[in-house]
């Protein structure tokens, strides 16, 4: 006999502990570029690419690594007192490497999902 109220697992609901446990690696990985101010912005995309082994993830890793190299070179070549376009370029590189890498780690971490038909044959 089936109960009137379905079990949480049958309804597709997860416990709060399960949600926290699955979100913790993403949050920790997203914290790496924020804590290092973009200096290690390639680390989350490297972890994601190594986990998934897809070309698009390796391209994201290459993009963040290139932005990181550009930021380091730009910081080495610009004087301490920058204004105008130089400051804007420096700020843009820092924002891309820091916030972009953090957002990538938060939203791209979930495993690749395909739409599969359930037992009744509906999608």
N, C-alpha and C. Protein backbone atom coordinates (compact mmCIF):
# COMPACT_ATOMS: atom_id res chain seq x y z
N UNK A 1 0.84 -1.17 0.00
CA UNK A 1 0.00 0.00 0.00
C UNK A 1 0.89 1.24 0.00
N UNK A 2 0.58 2.17 -0.88
CA UNK A 2 1.36 3.40 -1.01
C UNK A 2 0.84 4.46 -0.04
N UNK A 3 1.75 5.18 0.62
CA UNK A 3 1.28 6.24 1.52
C UNK A 3 0.67 7.39 0.72
N UNK A 4 -0.21 8.14 1.37
CA UNK A 4 -0.89 9.26 0.71
C UNK A 4 0.10 10.38 0.39
N UNK A 5 1.04 10.60 1.27
CA UNK A 5 2.05 11.65 1.07
C UNK A 5 3.33 10.96 0.62
N UNK A 6 3.86 11.33 -0.56
CA UNK A 6 5.06 10.65 -1.03
C UNK A 6 6.27 11.02 -0.18
N UNK A 7 7.20 10.11 -0.13
CA UNK A 7 8.45 10.33 0.58
C UNK A 7 9.21 11.46 -0.13
N UNK A 8 10.05 12.18 0.59
CA UNK A 8 10.78 13.32 0.01
C UNK A 8 11.64 12.89 -1.16
N UNK A 9 12.27 11.73 -1.08
CA UNK A 9 13.12 11.25 -2.17
C UNK A 9 12.27 10.93 -3.41
N UNK A 10 11.04 10.41 -3.19
CA UNK A 10 10.16 10.11 -4.31
C UNK A 10 9.66 11.38 -4.98
N UNK A 11 9.48 12.43 -4.20
CA UNK A 11 8.99 13.69 -4.75
C UNK A 11 10.11 14.50 -5.40
N UNK A 12 11.35 14.03 -5.31
CA UNK A 12 12.46 14.74 -5.91
C UNK A 12 13.06 15.81 -5.01
N UNK A 13 12.68 15.84 -3.75
CA UNK A 13 13.20 16.82 -2.81
C UNK A 13 14.44 16.27 -2.13
N UNK A 14 15.37 17.15 -1.83
CA UNK A 14 16.58 16.74 -1.13
C UNK A 14 16.63 17.41 0.22
N UNK A 15 17.29 16.77 1.14
CA UNK A 15 17.41 17.33 2.48
C UNK A 15 18.34 18.54 2.45
N UNK A 16 18.20 19.44 3.42
CA UNK A 16 19.10 20.60 3.46
C UNK A 16 20.57 20.20 3.58
N UNK A 17 20.85 19.12 4.30
CA UNK A 17 22.22 18.66 4.42
C UNK A 17 22.78 18.21 3.06
N UNK A 18 21.95 17.53 2.27
CA UNK A 18 22.39 17.10 0.94
C UNK A 18 22.66 18.28 0.04
N UNK A 19 21.84 19.32 0.15
CA UNK A 19 22.04 20.53 -0.66
C UNK A 19 23.35 21.20 -0.27
N UNK A 20 23.62 21.31 1.03
CA UNK A 20 24.87 21.94 1.50
C UNK A 20 26.07 21.11 1.08
N UNK A 21 25.97 19.81 1.19
CA UNK A 21 27.11 18.95 0.84
C UNK A 21 27.43 18.99 -0.65
N UNK A 22 26.42 19.16 -1.49
CA UNK A 22 26.69 19.24 -2.92
C UNK A 22 27.14 20.64 -3.33
N UNK A 23 26.76 21.66 -2.58
CA UNK A 23 27.14 23.03 -2.93
C UNK A 23 28.50 23.41 -2.35
N UNK A 24 28.97 22.73 -1.33
CA UNK A 24 30.22 23.11 -0.67
C UNK A 24 31.42 23.09 -1.61
N UNK A 25 31.63 22.06 -2.43
CA UNK A 25 32.79 22.11 -3.34
C UNK A 25 32.74 23.27 -4.31
N UNK A 26 31.55 23.59 -4.81
CA UNK A 26 31.42 24.72 -5.73
C UNK A 26 31.77 26.03 -5.05
N UNK A 27 31.28 26.22 -3.85
CA UNK A 27 31.53 27.47 -3.13
C UNK A 27 33.00 27.59 -2.77
N UNK A 28 33.62 26.51 -2.33
CA UNK A 28 35.05 26.56 -2.00
C UNK A 28 35.88 26.82 -3.25
N UNK A 29 35.51 26.20 -4.35
CA UNK A 29 36.24 26.42 -5.59
C UNK A 29 36.03 27.85 -6.10
N UNK A 30 34.85 28.39 -5.94
CA UNK A 30 34.58 29.76 -6.35
C UNK A 30 35.29 30.77 -5.46
N UNK A 31 35.61 30.39 -4.24
CA UNK A 31 36.30 31.29 -3.33
C UNK A 31 37.77 31.46 -3.67
N UNK A 32 38.35 30.51 -4.40
CA UNK A 32 39.78 30.58 -4.73
C UNK A 32 40.13 31.85 -5.49
N UNK A 33 39.45 32.19 -6.62
CA UNK A 33 39.83 33.42 -7.30
C UNK A 33 39.50 34.68 -6.51
N UNK A 34 38.46 34.64 -5.70
CA UNK A 34 38.09 35.82 -4.91
C UNK A 34 39.13 36.07 -3.83
N UNK A 35 39.54 35.02 -3.14
CA UNK A 35 40.52 35.17 -2.05
C UNK A 35 41.88 35.60 -2.60
N UNK A 36 42.25 35.09 -3.77
CA UNK A 36 43.55 35.42 -4.34
C UNK A 36 43.50 36.61 -5.29
N UNK A 37 42.37 37.31 -5.34
CA UNK A 37 42.16 38.47 -6.20
C UNK A 37 42.50 38.18 -7.66
N UNK A 38 42.13 37.02 -8.13
CA UNK A 38 42.31 36.66 -9.52
C UNK A 38 43.63 36.02 -9.87
N UNK A 39 44.55 35.95 -8.93
CA UNK A 39 45.86 35.37 -9.24
C UNK A 39 45.77 33.87 -9.53
N UNK A 40 44.82 33.18 -8.94
CA UNK A 40 44.62 31.76 -9.21
C UNK A 40 43.26 31.54 -9.88
N UNK A 41 42.93 32.40 -10.83
CA UNK A 41 41.62 32.32 -11.48
C UNK A 41 41.47 31.08 -12.35
N UNK A 42 42.56 30.48 -12.74
CA UNK A 42 42.50 29.31 -13.61
C UNK A 42 42.23 28.02 -12.83
N UNK A 43 42.37 28.03 -11.52
CA UNK A 43 42.24 26.81 -10.72
C UNK A 43 40.83 26.21 -10.80
N UNK A 44 39.74 26.99 -10.62
CA UNK A 44 38.42 26.36 -10.72
C UNK A 44 38.14 25.77 -12.10
N UNK A 45 38.51 26.48 -13.15
CA UNK A 45 38.25 25.95 -14.49
C UNK A 45 39.13 24.74 -14.78
N UNK A 46 40.32 24.69 -14.22
CA UNK A 46 41.17 23.51 -14.36
C UNK A 46 40.54 22.30 -13.67
N UNK A 47 40.01 22.51 -12.47
CA UNK A 47 39.36 21.42 -11.74
C UNK A 47 38.12 20.93 -12.48
N UNK A 48 37.34 21.86 -13.03
CA UNK A 48 36.15 21.47 -13.77
C UNK A 48 36.52 20.73 -15.05
N UNK A 49 37.53 21.23 -15.77
CA UNK A 49 37.95 20.58 -17.02
C UNK A 49 38.54 19.20 -16.75
N UNK A 50 39.31 19.06 -15.68
CA UNK A 50 39.88 17.75 -15.35
C UNK A 50 38.78 16.77 -14.95
N UNK A 51 37.74 17.26 -14.33
CA UNK A 51 36.64 16.39 -13.89
C UNK A 51 35.77 15.95 -15.06
N UNK A 52 35.45 16.89 -15.95
CA UNK A 52 34.52 16.59 -17.03
C UNK A 52 35.18 16.08 -18.30
N UNK A 53 36.38 16.54 -18.57
CA UNK A 53 37.14 16.16 -19.78
C UNK A 53 36.39 16.49 -21.06
N UNK A 54 35.83 17.70 -21.12
CA UNK A 54 35.15 18.17 -22.34
C UNK A 54 35.93 19.33 -22.94
N UNK A 55 35.87 19.47 -24.25
CA UNK A 55 36.63 20.50 -24.95
C UNK A 55 36.20 21.90 -24.52
N UNK A 56 34.92 22.11 -24.28
CA UNK A 56 34.45 23.43 -23.89
C UNK A 56 34.99 23.83 -22.51
N UNK A 57 35.15 22.87 -21.63
CA UNK A 57 35.71 23.16 -20.31
C UNK A 57 37.20 23.46 -20.40
N UNK A 58 37.91 22.76 -21.29
CA UNK A 58 39.32 23.07 -21.50
C UNK A 58 39.48 24.44 -22.14
N UNK A 59 38.54 24.84 -22.99
CA UNK A 59 38.58 26.18 -23.59
C UNK A 59 38.37 27.25 -22.52
N UNK A 60 37.46 27.00 -21.59
CA UNK A 60 37.26 27.94 -20.49
C UNK A 60 38.52 28.05 -19.64
N UNK A 61 39.16 26.92 -19.39
CA UNK A 61 40.43 26.94 -18.65
C UNK A 61 41.48 27.76 -19.40
N UNK A 62 41.59 27.56 -20.71
CA UNK A 62 42.56 28.31 -21.50
C UNK A 62 42.25 29.80 -21.48
N UNK A 63 40.97 30.16 -21.51
CA UNK A 63 40.58 31.57 -21.45
C UNK A 63 40.95 32.22 -20.14
N UNK A 64 40.67 31.55 -19.03
CA UNK A 64 41.01 32.12 -17.73
C UNK A 64 42.52 32.13 -17.50
N UNK A 65 43.23 31.14 -18.01
CA UNK A 65 44.69 31.14 -17.91
C UNK A 65 45.28 32.28 -18.73
N UNK A 66 44.74 32.52 -19.93
CA UNK A 66 45.22 33.63 -20.76
C UNK A 66 44.91 34.97 -20.11
N UNK A 67 43.72 35.11 -19.52
CA UNK A 67 43.38 36.35 -18.81
C UNK A 67 44.29 36.56 -17.61
N UNK A 68 44.65 35.48 -16.94
CA UNK A 68 45.55 35.57 -15.80
C UNK A 68 46.94 36.01 -16.25
N UNK A 69 47.44 35.43 -17.33
CA UNK A 69 48.76 35.81 -17.85
C UNK A 69 48.73 37.27 -18.30
N UNK A 70 47.66 37.68 -18.98
CA UNK A 70 47.53 39.07 -19.42
C UNK A 70 47.52 40.02 -18.23
N UNK A 71 46.83 39.64 -17.17
CA UNK A 71 46.76 40.49 -15.98
C UNK A 71 48.12 40.63 -15.32
N UNK A 72 48.86 39.53 -15.21
CA UNK A 72 50.19 39.58 -14.60
C UNK A 72 51.14 40.42 -15.45
N UNK A 73 51.11 40.24 -16.77
CA UNK A 73 51.96 41.04 -17.64
C UNK A 73 51.59 42.52 -17.60
N UNK A 74 50.29 42.80 -17.62
CA UNK A 74 49.85 44.18 -17.56
C UNK A 74 50.27 44.83 -16.24
N UNK A 75 50.16 44.10 -15.14
CA UNK A 75 50.55 44.64 -13.84
C UNK A 75 52.06 44.88 -13.77
N UNK A 76 52.83 44.04 -14.44
CA UNK A 76 54.28 44.21 -14.43
C UNK A 76 54.72 45.38 -15.30
N UNK A 77 53.96 45.67 -16.34
CA UNK A 77 54.38 46.71 -17.29
C UNK A 77 53.81 48.09 -17.02
N UNK A 78 52.78 48.20 -16.21
CA UNK A 78 52.19 49.51 -15.95
C UNK A 78 52.82 50.12 -14.71
N UNK A 79 52.96 51.45 -14.71
CA UNK A 79 53.51 52.11 -13.52
C UNK A 79 52.51 52.08 -12.36
N UNK A 80 53.00 52.40 -11.18
CA UNK A 80 52.14 52.36 -10.00
C UNK A 80 51.03 53.40 -10.06
N UNK A 81 51.32 54.56 -10.58
CA UNK A 81 50.33 55.64 -10.68
C UNK A 81 49.67 55.59 -12.05
N UNK A 82 48.58 54.87 -12.16
CA UNK A 82 47.88 54.78 -13.43
C UNK A 82 46.57 55.55 -13.36
N UNK A 83 46.15 56.06 -14.51
CA UNK A 83 44.90 56.80 -14.61
C UNK A 83 44.28 56.50 -15.96
N UNK A 84 43.01 56.80 -16.08
CA UNK A 84 42.33 56.71 -17.36
C UNK A 84 42.24 55.30 -17.91
N UNK A 85 42.65 55.14 -19.18
CA UNK A 85 42.50 53.88 -19.89
C UNK A 85 43.34 52.77 -19.28
N UNK A 86 44.54 53.10 -18.81
CA UNK A 86 45.38 52.07 -18.19
C UNK A 86 44.73 51.52 -16.93
N UNK A 87 44.16 52.40 -16.13
CA UNK A 87 43.49 51.97 -14.91
C UNK A 87 42.25 51.15 -15.25
N UNK A 88 41.50 51.58 -16.28
CA UNK A 88 40.29 50.84 -16.68
C UNK A 88 40.65 49.44 -17.18
N UNK A 89 41.73 49.33 -17.95
CA UNK A 89 42.15 48.02 -18.45
C UNK A 89 42.59 47.12 -17.30
N UNK A 90 43.31 47.68 -16.35
CA UNK A 90 43.75 46.91 -15.19
C UNK A 90 42.55 46.44 -14.37
N UNK A 91 41.62 47.34 -14.14
CA UNK A 91 40.42 47.00 -13.38
C UNK A 91 39.59 45.93 -14.11
N UNK A 92 39.48 46.05 -15.43
CA UNK A 92 38.73 45.06 -16.20
C UNK A 92 39.37 43.68 -16.10
N UNK A 93 40.68 43.59 -16.21
CA UNK A 93 41.36 42.30 -16.09
C UNK A 93 41.19 41.70 -14.70
N UNK A 94 41.26 42.53 -13.68
CA UNK A 94 41.07 42.03 -12.31
C UNK A 94 39.64 41.52 -12.13
N UNK A 95 38.67 42.26 -12.64
CA UNK A 95 37.28 41.83 -12.50
C UNK A 95 36.99 40.55 -13.28
N UNK A 96 37.52 40.44 -14.49
CA UNK A 96 37.29 39.24 -15.29
C UNK A 96 37.92 38.03 -14.61
N UNK A 97 39.16 38.19 -14.14
CA UNK A 97 39.82 37.04 -13.54
C UNK A 97 39.25 36.69 -12.17
N UNK A 98 38.74 37.65 -11.46
CA UNK A 98 38.21 37.37 -10.13
C UNK A 98 36.74 36.95 -10.18
N UNK A 99 35.89 37.84 -10.63
CA UNK A 99 34.45 37.56 -10.60
C UNK A 99 34.02 36.58 -11.69
N UNK A 100 34.65 36.66 -12.84
CA UNK A 100 34.30 35.74 -13.92
C UNK A 100 34.64 34.30 -13.56
N UNK A 101 35.81 34.11 -12.99
CA UNK A 101 36.21 32.76 -12.59
C UNK A 101 35.34 32.24 -11.45
N UNK A 102 34.97 33.11 -10.52
CA UNK A 102 34.10 32.69 -9.42
C UNK A 102 32.72 32.30 -9.94
N UNK A 103 32.18 33.09 -10.85
CA UNK A 103 30.87 32.77 -11.42
C UNK A 103 30.94 31.48 -12.23
N UNK A 104 32.02 31.29 -12.96
CA UNK A 104 32.18 30.06 -13.73
C UNK A 104 32.20 28.86 -12.79
N UNK A 105 32.91 28.96 -11.69
CA UNK A 105 32.99 27.85 -10.74
C UNK A 105 31.63 27.55 -10.11
N UNK A 106 30.85 28.59 -9.84
CA UNK A 106 29.54 28.37 -9.21
C UNK A 106 28.53 27.75 -10.16
N UNK A 107 28.52 28.21 -11.41
CA UNK A 107 27.45 27.81 -12.31
C UNK A 107 27.82 26.69 -13.28
N UNK A 108 29.09 26.39 -13.45
CA UNK A 108 29.49 25.35 -14.40
C UNK A 108 29.88 24.05 -13.71
N UNK A 109 29.80 24.00 -12.41
CA UNK A 109 30.28 22.83 -11.67
C UNK A 109 29.35 21.64 -11.81
N UNK A 110 28.05 21.87 -11.95
CA UNK A 110 27.08 20.76 -11.98
C UNK A 110 27.42 19.82 -13.14
N UNK A 111 27.26 18.53 -12.94
CA UNK A 111 27.59 17.59 -14.01
C UNK A 111 26.69 17.79 -15.22
N UNK A 112 27.21 17.41 -16.36
CA UNK A 112 26.45 17.53 -17.60
C UNK A 112 25.21 16.67 -17.49
N UNK A 113 24.07 17.27 -17.75
CA UNK A 113 22.81 16.53 -17.61
C UNK A 113 22.12 16.46 -18.95
N UNK A 114 21.58 15.32 -19.21
CA UNK A 114 20.79 15.15 -20.44
C UNK A 114 19.35 14.89 -20.02
N UNK A 115 18.47 15.22 -20.91
CA UNK A 115 17.05 14.99 -20.64
C UNK A 115 16.74 13.54 -20.99
N UNK A 116 16.41 12.75 -20.00
CA UNK A 116 16.07 11.35 -20.25
C UNK A 116 14.60 11.12 -19.99
N UNK A 117 14.05 10.21 -20.70
CA UNK A 117 12.65 9.86 -20.49
C UNK A 117 12.51 9.07 -19.19
N UNK A 118 11.44 9.31 -18.47
CA UNK A 118 11.22 8.54 -17.25
C UNK A 118 10.59 7.20 -17.59
N UNK A 119 10.16 6.47 -16.61
CA UNK A 119 9.64 5.12 -16.82
C UNK A 119 8.40 5.10 -17.70
N UNK A 120 7.64 6.18 -17.71
CA UNK A 120 6.41 6.22 -18.52
C UNK A 120 6.68 6.60 -19.97
N UNK A 121 7.92 6.98 -20.28
CA UNK A 121 8.24 7.33 -21.66
C UNK A 121 8.09 8.82 -21.95
N UNK A 122 7.78 9.61 -20.94
CA UNK A 122 7.66 11.05 -21.15
C UNK A 122 8.92 11.74 -20.70
N UNK A 123 9.23 12.85 -21.31
CA UNK A 123 10.46 13.56 -20.97
C UNK A 123 10.24 14.57 -19.88
